[in-house]
Amino acid sequence: MMPVSLPIFMFMKRVSALPLDYKTTVILYVMLPVLFRWRGLALNYEWTDFFIPFWLGVALYSLFAAALFHLIENGVRKSFWVAFKPLAGKKVRLIFLTVLVLESTWLMGFWNTLIISSDILAVVVFVVHLRSKTKDWIKDALTALIPAFYFSAGFILIASYNVLIGSARYFAAYDSFFNSLDKLFLSGWSVTELSQQLAFKASPLVFLFLEKIYFFMFPQIGAAIILLTVQKGTKHALRFVGTIAIAYQLATLIYFFFPSLGPFFLSRPVSAGLPPHLVTTHIQAELVQKLELLWQTGTKSSIGLDFYIAFPCMHLAQPLIVLWFLRFMKRVFWALAAYDFLMLFSIIFLQWHYLVDLLGGLFVALIAIKVYQLELKRVSSRTMEVQVKSELVGRSGYA
C-alpha cells in the first residue's frame, strides 16, 4: 500500500510549485468568511449596482485602449490594413458598415461610436487571427478571458478586506502624519493648499482634464491584459495579473498598519477647492460618508466601491507594473510613460493622494516586480532540474 504521507507530500510539492500570488489569494479568500463573521459583517456584494456595470465599462475602454496601443506601436498604415483587410474588395459590406457608423454617430455621438466601433473591430480581428492559427479557436478565445476573471476576483478580494479593515481601524488615523511629512518635502505647502491655489488661478476645465487622465488608469490595466494575452500568451498575462495582485495585497497589509484616506479628507469641507461638478468630488464625499458610517456602526450592508487605501498609492503602482510588462513595446512604453507622468499631477491636484503616498506606490511596485522576477527564476530552475533528470534517466535507460 502507498504510505499516507506520500500523497500529502506530493500535494504539498505541487502547492509549493504554484506562484506566490495563487497561494496568497486562496488563503485570503479562505480566511474572508471567518474574519467577516468575527467582525459581524455581511458578505453581500453590489453585483448589479456596481461590479457588473463597472467591469462592463472598464472592459469597453480597455478594448479601445488596447486598439489605441496597437495603433501607436505598429503605425497607422499597418494597423488600418490589419483591421480592414477582411473588408478588402467587399464593397457592399463596407457601404453597410459606413452607414451603420454614421447612424450610430447621429444617435450616440462621436466618442461613444468611436469606442464601440473600435471594440467590435478589435474583437473581430482577434477572432479572425485565432481562426487562422488554430481549429480550436473558441477554446483559445475563452482561455484569453482567464486573466481578466482573475483580476476581477482579486479586485473583489481587496474591496472585501478594505471593508474589513475599515470596521476595525480608524480610516484616517495617519492622514495628519502623512500631511506633515508632505509639508517637509514641499517647503511648508500641503497637497490641499496646492490644489486650492490651482483652483483659484486656473479654469475648472483644467480639473476636468486632470480627472479624465486620472480615470484612464483602469483601462491601462485591461489593455495590458489584452495585449499580453494576444502577444505573449495567457500564462504571461496571468503573471502580470499576479504581480498586480501581490501589489494590492501588500498595499492592503500596509494600509492595515497605516490607514489614511487622502488629502481631500483634511480639506474643510471635504474636497474643498475642487469644482463641485467633478465625478471625483462626489466619489470622495461618498467615501467619507461610507467610512464614517462603517467606523461608527462597525457594519456595512454590502460591498461595492470600497477601496480606501491612500498610502501606498496604487494609482501609481499599477501603471509602473504595466510599464514593466509592456516594455517590449517601445513606442507604447514611452507613450504610457509620458501619460503616467501627467497622471502624477492629476493624483496630487485632485487631492487623492499625499506626496509620500507616491513614494509608497513606487516601493510596492518594485517589491511586486521583484517577487515576479524571483518566481520566474524559481520556475526556470525547476524546469532545468526536470530536464537534467530526464536526460539522466534517458542515458541510464540507453545504457
Protein backbone atom coordinates (compact mmCIF):
# COMPACT_ATOMS: atom_id res chain seq x y z
CA MET A 1 0.00 0.00 0.00
CA MET A 2 1.04 3.57 -0.68
CA PRO A 3 2.04 5.37 2.54
CA VAL A 4 -0.42 8.06 3.66
CA SER A 5 2.38 10.61 3.84
CA LEU A 6 3.32 10.19 0.17
CA PRO A 7 0.09 11.66 -1.31
CA ILE A 8 0.33 14.51 1.19
CA PHE A 9 3.96 15.07 0.22
CA MET A 10 3.08 15.10 -3.48
CA PHE A 11 0.21 17.52 -2.84
CA MET A 12 2.44 19.87 -0.85
CA LYS A 13 5.06 19.69 -3.58
CA ARG A 14 2.50 20.72 -6.19
CA VAL A 15 1.24 23.54 -3.98
CA SER A 16 4.77 24.81 -3.39
CA ALA A 17 5.30 24.91 -7.16
CA LEU A 18 2.38 27.31 -7.61
CA PRO A 19 3.08 31.05 -7.98
CA LEU A 20 3.02 33.01 -4.72
CA ASP A 21 0.00 35.11 -5.72
CA TYR A 22 -2.14 31.98 -6.24
CA LYS A 23 -1.35 30.79 -2.73
CA THR A 24 -1.88 34.15 -1.02
CA THR A 25 -5.13 34.77 -2.92
CA VAL A 26 -6.56 31.37 -1.94
CA ILE A 27 -5.52 31.83 1.70
CA LEU A 28 -7.09 35.30 1.86
CA TYR A 29 -10.32 34.02 0.29
CA VAL A 30 -10.48 31.10 2.76
CA MET A 31 -9.96 33.49 5.69
CA LEU A 32 -12.51 36.02 4.42
CA PRO A 33 -15.82 34.50 5.68
CA VAL A 34 -14.24 33.68 9.05
CA LEU A 35 -12.98 37.24 9.53
CA PHE A 36 -16.25 38.77 8.35
CA ARG A 37 -18.21 36.63 10.79
CA TRP A 38 -15.81 37.59 13.57
CA ARG A 39 -16.41 41.30 12.83
CA GLY A 40 -20.16 40.78 12.42
CA LEU A 41 -20.11 41.88 8.77
CA ALA A 42 -22.25 40.56 5.91
CA LEU A 43 -20.58 39.20 2.75
CA ASN A 44 -23.01 40.86 0.34
CA TYR A 45 -21.82 42.33 -2.95
CA GLU A 46 -23.35 45.05 -5.13
CA TRP A 47 -23.26 42.98 -8.32
CA THR A 48 -25.90 44.82 -10.36
CA ASP A 49 -25.39 48.24 -8.77
CA PHE A 50 -21.62 48.39 -9.04
CA PHE A 51 -19.44 45.43 -10.04
CA ILE A 52 -21.12 44.37 -13.31
CA PRO A 53 -21.58 47.96 -14.67
CA PHE A 54 -18.05 48.84 -13.54
CA TRP A 55 -16.50 45.83 -15.28
CA LEU A 56 -18.51 46.36 -18.45
CA GLY A 57 -17.41 49.99 -18.59
CA VAL A 58 -13.76 49.16 -17.92
CA ALA A 59 -13.89 46.32 -20.48
CA LEU A 60 -15.18 48.65 -23.22
CA TYR A 61 -12.49 51.26 -22.54
CA SER A 62 -9.81 48.57 -22.14
CA LEU A 63 -10.52 47.18 -25.61
CA PHE A 64 -10.36 50.71 -27.01
CA ALA A 65 -7.07 51.36 -25.18
CA ALA A 66 -5.60 48.09 -26.49
CA ALA A 67 -6.56 49.07 -30.05
CA LEU A 68 -5.01 52.50 -29.49
CA PHE A 69 -1.78 50.97 -28.15
CA HIS A 70 -1.64 48.67 -31.19
CA LEU A 71 -2.01 51.74 -33.40
CA ILE A 72 0.79 53.54 -31.55
CA GLU A 73 3.15 50.55 -31.71
CA ASN A 74 2.57 49.49 -35.33
CA GLY A 75 1.72 52.78 -37.02
CA VAL A 76 -1.46 53.97 -38.71
CA ARG A 77 -0.95 52.28 -42.10
CA LYS A 78 -0.18 48.79 -40.79
CA SER A 79 -2.90 48.93 -38.11
CA PHE A 80 -5.59 50.01 -40.55
CA TRP A 81 -4.53 47.33 -43.04
CA VAL A 82 -4.84 44.63 -40.36
CA ALA A 83 -8.21 45.99 -39.23
CA PHE A 84 -9.82 46.44 -42.63
CA LYS A 85 -8.17 43.59 -44.54
CA PRO A 86 -11.29 41.35 -44.12
CA LEU A 87 -13.33 44.07 -45.89
CA ALA A 88 -10.97 44.45 -48.85
CA GLY A 89 -12.91 44.08 -52.10
CA LYS A 90 -16.26 43.72 -50.32
CA LYS A 91 -17.96 46.99 -51.25
CA VAL A 92 -21.45 46.04 -50.05
CA ARG A 93 -20.23 45.25 -46.53
CA LEU A 94 -18.11 48.40 -46.47
CA ILE A 95 -21.07 50.59 -47.50
CA PHE A 96 -23.30 48.88 -44.92
CA LEU A 97 -20.76 49.45 -42.14
CA THR A 98 -20.25 53.07 -43.17
CA VAL A 99 -24.00 53.73 -42.96
CA LEU A 100 -24.15 51.94 -39.61
CA VAL A 101 -21.30 54.03 -38.18
CA LEU A 102 -22.86 57.29 -39.42
CA GLU A 103 -26.22 56.35 -37.90
CA SER A 104 -24.54 55.39 -34.64
CA THR A 105 -22.70 58.73 -34.57
CA TRP A 106 -26.02 60.52 -35.02
CA LEU A 107 -27.68 58.57 -32.19
CA MET A 108 -24.87 58.09 -29.65
CA GLY A 109 -22.34 60.79 -30.51
CA PHE A 110 -18.84 60.62 -31.94
CA TRP A 111 -16.97 59.46 -28.82
CA ASN A 112 -19.27 56.54 -27.93
CA THR A 113 -19.39 55.44 -31.56
CA LEU A 114 -15.60 55.55 -31.82
CA ILE A 115 -15.16 53.39 -28.71
CA ILE A 116 -17.83 50.80 -29.57
CA SER A 117 -16.77 50.57 -33.23
CA SER A 118 -13.12 50.14 -32.25
CA ASP A 119 -14.06 47.47 -29.72
CA ILE A 120 -16.15 45.48 -32.21
CA LEU A 121 -13.43 45.75 -34.85
CA ALA A 122 -10.76 44.64 -32.36
CA VAL A 123 -12.79 41.57 -31.35
CA VAL A 124 -13.43 40.65 -35.00
CA VAL A 125 -9.73 40.96 -35.88
CA PHE A 126 -8.81 38.87 -32.82
CA VAL A 127 -11.26 36.10 -33.78
CA VAL A 128 -10.04 36.11 -37.41
CA HIS A 129 -6.46 35.89 -36.10
CA LEU A 130 -7.33 32.91 -33.87
CA ARG A 131 -9.23 31.09 -36.63
CA SER A 132 -6.22 31.37 -38.92
CA LYS A 133 -3.92 29.88 -36.27
CA THR A 134 -5.92 27.03 -34.72
CA LYS A 135 -9.01 24.93 -35.29
CA ASP A 136 -9.99 25.10 -31.63
CA TRP A 137 -10.21 28.91 -31.71
CA ILE A 138 -13.30 29.11 -29.47
CA LYS A 139 -11.39 27.43 -26.64
CA ASP A 140 -8.44 29.78 -27.16
CA ALA A 141 -10.76 32.80 -27.17
CA LEU A 142 -12.36 31.72 -23.88
CA THR A 143 -8.94 30.96 -22.38
CA ALA A 144 -7.94 34.55 -23.12
CA LEU A 145 -10.61 35.68 -20.63
CA ILE A 146 -8.99 33.85 -17.69
CA PRO A 147 -6.56 36.69 -16.74
CA ALA A 148 -9.45 39.18 -16.77
CA PHE A 149 -11.52 36.96 -14.46
CA TYR A 150 -8.52 36.51 -12.17
CA PHE A 151 -8.05 40.28 -11.96
CA SER A 152 -11.76 40.70 -11.16
CA ALA A 153 -11.53 38.08 -8.39
CA GLY A 154 -8.54 39.91 -6.94
CA PHE A 155 -10.39 43.24 -7.07
CA ILE A 156 -13.36 41.78 -5.16
CA LEU A 157 -10.99 40.31 -2.58
CA ILE A 158 -9.24 43.62 -1.93
CA ALA A 159 -12.54 45.52 -1.71
CA SER A 160 -13.71 42.99 0.88
CA TYR A 161 -10.59 43.42 3.01
CA ASN A 162 -10.89 47.21 2.76
CA VAL A 163 -14.31 46.95 4.38
CA LEU A 164 -12.96 44.55 6.99
CA ILE A 165 -10.07 46.87 7.90
CA GLY A 166 -12.38 49.90 7.85
CA SER A 167 -14.52 48.26 10.53
CA ALA A 168 -11.53 47.62 12.80
CA ARG A 169 -9.18 50.58 12.19
CA TYR A 170 -9.96 54.29 12.06
CA PHE A 171 -9.71 55.16 8.37
CA ALA A 172 -7.87 58.49 8.83
CA ALA A 173 -5.51 57.57 11.65
CA TYR A 174 -2.38 58.62 9.72
CA ASP A 175 -3.69 61.42 7.49
CA SER A 176 -2.30 64.20 9.67
CA PHE A 177 1.05 62.42 9.91
CA PHE A 178 1.37 62.00 6.14
CA ASN A 179 0.24 65.59 5.63
CA SER A 180 3.01 66.81 7.95
CA LEU A 181 5.57 64.72 6.03
CA ASP A 182 4.36 66.33 2.80
CA LYS A 183 4.98 69.78 4.26
CA LEU A 184 8.60 68.81 4.88
CA PHE A 185 9.01 67.78 1.23
CA LEU A 186 7.02 70.73 -0.17
CA SER A 187 8.62 73.55 1.84
CA GLY A 188 5.63 74.07 4.10
CA TRP A 189 2.93 73.52 1.46
CA SER A 190 0.34 70.76 1.63
CA VAL A 191 -1.37 68.96 -1.25
CA THR A 192 -4.72 70.57 -0.42
CA GLU A 193 -3.17 74.04 -0.46
CA LEU A 194 -1.53 73.40 -3.84
CA SER A 195 -4.83 72.12 -5.22
CA GLN A 196 -6.74 75.13 -3.90
CA GLN A 197 -4.18 77.51 -5.38
CA LEU A 198 -4.62 75.88 -8.79
CA ALA A 199 -8.40 76.06 -8.44
CA PHE A 200 -8.13 79.77 -7.63
CA LYS A 201 -5.94 80.58 -10.65
CA ALA A 202 -6.98 78.05 -13.33
CA SER A 203 -10.17 77.27 -15.22
CA PRO A 204 -12.41 74.40 -13.98
CA LEU A 205 -11.68 72.77 -17.35
CA VAL A 206 -8.15 72.08 -16.09
CA PHE A 207 -9.58 69.88 -13.33
CA LEU A 208 -11.89 68.16 -15.80
CA PHE A 209 -8.85 67.37 -17.94
CA LEU A 210 -6.94 66.08 -14.90
CA GLU A 211 -9.91 63.89 -13.96
CA LYS A 212 -10.01 62.28 -17.43
CA ILE A 213 -6.30 61.48 -17.10
CA TYR A 214 -6.80 60.05 -13.61
CA PHE A 215 -9.58 57.63 -14.52
CA PHE A 216 -7.80 56.32 -17.64
CA MET A 217 -5.55 54.32 -15.30
CA PHE A 218 -8.12 51.50 -15.14
CA PRO A 219 -8.28 50.87 -18.94
CA GLN A 220 -4.46 50.73 -18.89
CA ILE A 221 -4.67 47.57 -16.78
CA GLY A 222 -7.29 45.99 -19.04
CA ALA A 223 -5.38 46.92 -22.19
CA ALA A 224 -2.20 45.40 -20.78
CA ILE A 225 -4.07 42.15 -20.04
CA ILE A 226 -5.40 42.06 -23.62
CA LEU A 227 -2.06 42.85 -25.29
CA LEU A 228 -0.10 40.40 -23.14
CA THR A 229 -2.67 37.65 -23.77
CA VAL A 230 -2.58 38.19 -27.54
CA GLN A 231 1.17 38.69 -27.94
CA LYS A 232 2.72 36.68 -25.10
CA GLY A 233 0.02 34.16 -24.19
CA THR A 234 -2.41 33.58 -21.34
CA LYS A 235 0.27 32.38 -18.91
CA HIS A 236 2.28 35.58 -19.27
CA ALA A 237 -0.88 37.68 -18.85
CA LEU A 238 -1.66 35.71 -15.67
CA ARG A 239 1.80 36.57 -14.33
CA PHE A 240 1.06 40.23 -14.98
CA VAL A 241 -2.23 39.99 -13.09
CA GLY A 242 -0.44 38.01 -10.36
CA THR A 243 2.08 40.84 -9.97
CA ILE A 244 -0.79 43.33 -9.67
CA ALA A 245 -2.39 41.00 -7.08
CA ILE A 246 0.80 40.89 -4.99
CA ALA A 247 0.99 44.71 -5.13
CA TYR A 248 -2.64 45.02 -3.98
CA GLN A 249 -2.19 42.52 -1.17
CA LEU A 250 0.99 44.21 0.06
CA ALA A 251 -0.73 47.60 -0.10
CA THR A 252 -3.66 46.23 1.92
CA LEU A 253 -1.29 44.91 4.58
CA ILE A 254 0.43 48.33 4.80
CA TYR A 255 -2.99 50.00 4.95
CA PHE A 256 -3.90 47.91 8.00
CA PHE A 257 -0.96 49.37 9.91
CA PHE A 258 -1.05 52.90 8.44
CA PRO A 259 -4.68 53.70 7.48
CA SER A 260 -5.23 57.02 5.69
CA LEU A 261 -7.81 58.27 3.20
CA GLY A 262 -6.13 61.14 1.37
CA PRO A 263 -5.67 64.93 1.41
CA PHE A 264 -9.31 65.57 0.39
CA PHE A 265 -10.40 64.34 3.84
CA LEU A 266 -8.38 67.07 5.58
CA SER A 267 -9.97 69.78 3.43
CA ARG A 268 -12.75 71.69 5.16
CA PRO A 269 -15.25 70.95 3.82
CA VAL A 270 -14.21 67.66 2.20
CA SER A 271 -12.61 68.19 -1.24
CA ALA A 272 -12.62 71.98 -0.72
CA GLY A 273 -11.30 73.81 -3.77
CA LEU A 274 -12.30 71.15 -6.29
CA PRO A 275 -15.08 72.05 -8.76
CA PRO A 276 -18.36 70.58 -7.41
CA HIS A 277 -19.38 69.14 -10.80
CA LEU A 278 -16.46 66.68 -10.90
CA VAL A 279 -17.11 62.95 -10.53
CA THR A 280 -14.08 62.97 -8.21
CA THR A 281 -15.80 65.32 -5.76
CA HIS A 282 -18.86 63.08 -5.49
CA ILE A 283 -16.80 59.89 -5.08
CA GLN A 284 -14.67 61.47 -2.35
CA ALA A 285 -17.74 62.67 -0.44
CA GLU A 286 -19.31 59.22 -0.75
CA LEU A 287 -16.14 57.53 0.52
CA VAL A 288 -16.03 59.73 3.62
CA GLN A 289 -19.72 59.11 4.31
CA LYS A 290 -19.31 55.32 3.91
CA LEU A 291 -16.23 55.12 6.10
CA GLU A 292 -17.62 57.30 8.88
CA LEU A 293 -20.75 55.15 9.00
CA LEU A 294 -18.66 51.95 8.92
CA TRP A 295 -16.43 53.20 11.74
CA GLN A 296 -19.35 54.36 13.90
CA THR A 297 -21.56 51.29 13.45
CA GLY A 298 -18.97 48.60 12.67
CA THR A 299 -21.25 47.19 9.97
CA LYS A 300 -21.88 47.58 6.25
CA SER A 301 -24.80 46.15 4.30
CA SER A 302 -22.92 45.49 1.04
CA ILE A 303 -19.54 45.72 -0.69
CA GLY A 304 -19.09 47.79 -3.84
CA LEU A 305 -16.86 50.79 -4.49
CA ASP A 306 -14.81 50.10 -1.37
CA PHE A 307 -11.19 50.95 -1.98
CA TYR A 308 -9.94 53.26 0.76
CA ILE A 309 -6.15 52.96 0.55
CA ALA A 310 -4.25 56.24 0.23
CA PHE A 311 -0.84 55.00 1.39
CA PRO A 312 0.65 53.41 -0.64
CA CYS A 313 -0.67 54.88 -3.90
CA MET A 314 -1.91 52.02 -6.08
CA HIS A 315 -2.80 54.55 -8.76
CA LEU A 316 0.95 54.82 -9.34
CA ALA A 317 1.99 51.25 -8.51
CA GLN A 318 -0.25 49.67 -11.15
CA PRO A 319 0.87 51.86 -14.11
CA LEU A 320 4.50 51.18 -13.14
CA ILE A 321 3.83 47.43 -13.31
CA VAL A 322 2.10 47.96 -16.67
CA LEU A 323 5.20 49.77 -17.95
CA TRP A 324 7.42 46.92 -16.78
CA PHE A 325 5.40 44.24 -18.56
CA LEU A 326 4.86 46.27 -21.76
CA ARG A 327 8.46 47.42 -22.08
CA PHE A 328 8.87 45.15 -25.14
CA MET A 329 6.50 47.56 -26.96
CA LYS A 330 8.88 50.51 -27.17
CA ARG A 331 6.50 53.14 -28.57
CA VAL A 332 3.70 52.17 -26.19
CA PHE A 333 6.16 52.23 -23.28
CA TRP A 334 7.21 55.82 -23.93
CA ALA A 335 3.66 56.96 -24.69
CA LEU A 336 2.44 55.47 -21.41
CA ALA A 337 5.43 56.86 -19.52
CA ALA A 338 4.54 60.37 -20.73
CA TYR A 339 0.88 59.81 -19.87
CA ASP A 340 1.68 58.46 -16.41
CA PHE A 341 3.90 61.47 -15.75
CA LEU A 342 0.88 63.71 -16.40
CA MET A 343 -1.18 61.45 -14.16
CA LEU A 344 1.08 62.33 -11.22
CA PHE A 345 -0.28 65.87 -11.39
CA SER A 346 -3.87 64.63 -11.51
CA ILE A 347 -3.25 62.42 -8.45
CA ILE A 348 -1.95 65.40 -6.48
CA PHE A 349 -4.17 68.25 -7.67
CA LEU A 350 -7.37 66.19 -7.38
CA GLN A 351 -6.36 65.67 -3.71
CA TRP A 352 -6.45 61.88 -3.97
CA HIS A 353 -3.00 61.22 -2.51
CA TYR A 354 -0.20 62.72 -0.47
CA LEU A 355 3.25 63.04 -1.98
CA VAL A 356 4.53 60.31 0.36
CA ASP A 357 1.80 58.01 -1.00
CA LEU A 358 3.55 58.16 -4.37
CA LEU A 359 6.79 57.01 -2.77
CA GLY A 360 4.87 54.19 -1.14
CA GLY A 361 3.36 53.24 -4.50
CA LEU A 362 6.83 53.14 -6.06
CA PHE A 363 8.02 50.86 -3.24
CA VAL A 364 5.07 48.46 -3.63
CA ALA A 365 5.55 48.27 -7.42
CA LEU A 366 9.25 47.48 -7.04
CA ILE A 367 8.56 44.76 -4.46
CA ALA A 368 5.83 43.18 -6.63
CA ILE A 369 8.09 43.17 -9.70
CA LYS A 370 10.93 41.69 -7.64
CA VAL A 371 8.61 38.90 -6.46
CA TYR A 372 7.73 38.21 -10.11
CA GLN A 373 11.42 38.02 -11.05
CA LEU A 374 12.17 35.63 -8.17
CA GLU A 375 9.20 33.46 -9.18
CA LEU A 376 10.49 33.43 -12.75
CA LYS A 377 13.94 32.29 -11.59
CA ARG A 378 12.39 29.60 -9.39
CA VAL A 379 10.30 28.23 -12.28
CA SER A 380 13.31 28.34 -14.63
CA SER A 381 15.50 26.45 -12.15
CA ARG A 382 12.78 23.81 -11.61
CA THR A 383 12.36 23.38 -15.38
CA MET A 384 16.10 23.00 -15.81
CA GLU A 385 16.21 20.47 -12.95
CA VAL A 386 13.46 18.38 -14.58
CA GLN A 387 15.24 18.49 -17.94
CA VAL A 388 18.53 17.35 -16.37
CA LYS A 389 16.77 14.47 -14.57
CA SER A 390 15.05 13.43 -17.80
CA GLU A 391 18.36 13.41 -19.65
CA LEU A 392 20.00 11.32 -16.91
CA VAL A 393 17.12 8.83 -16.93
CA GLY A 394 17.30 8.63 -20.73
CA ARG A 395 21.03 7.98 -20.69
CA SER A 396 20.79 5.31 -17.99
CA GLY A 397 17.97 3.61 -19.91
CA TYR A 398 20.01 3.69 -23.11
CA ALA A 399 23.00 2.25 -21.31
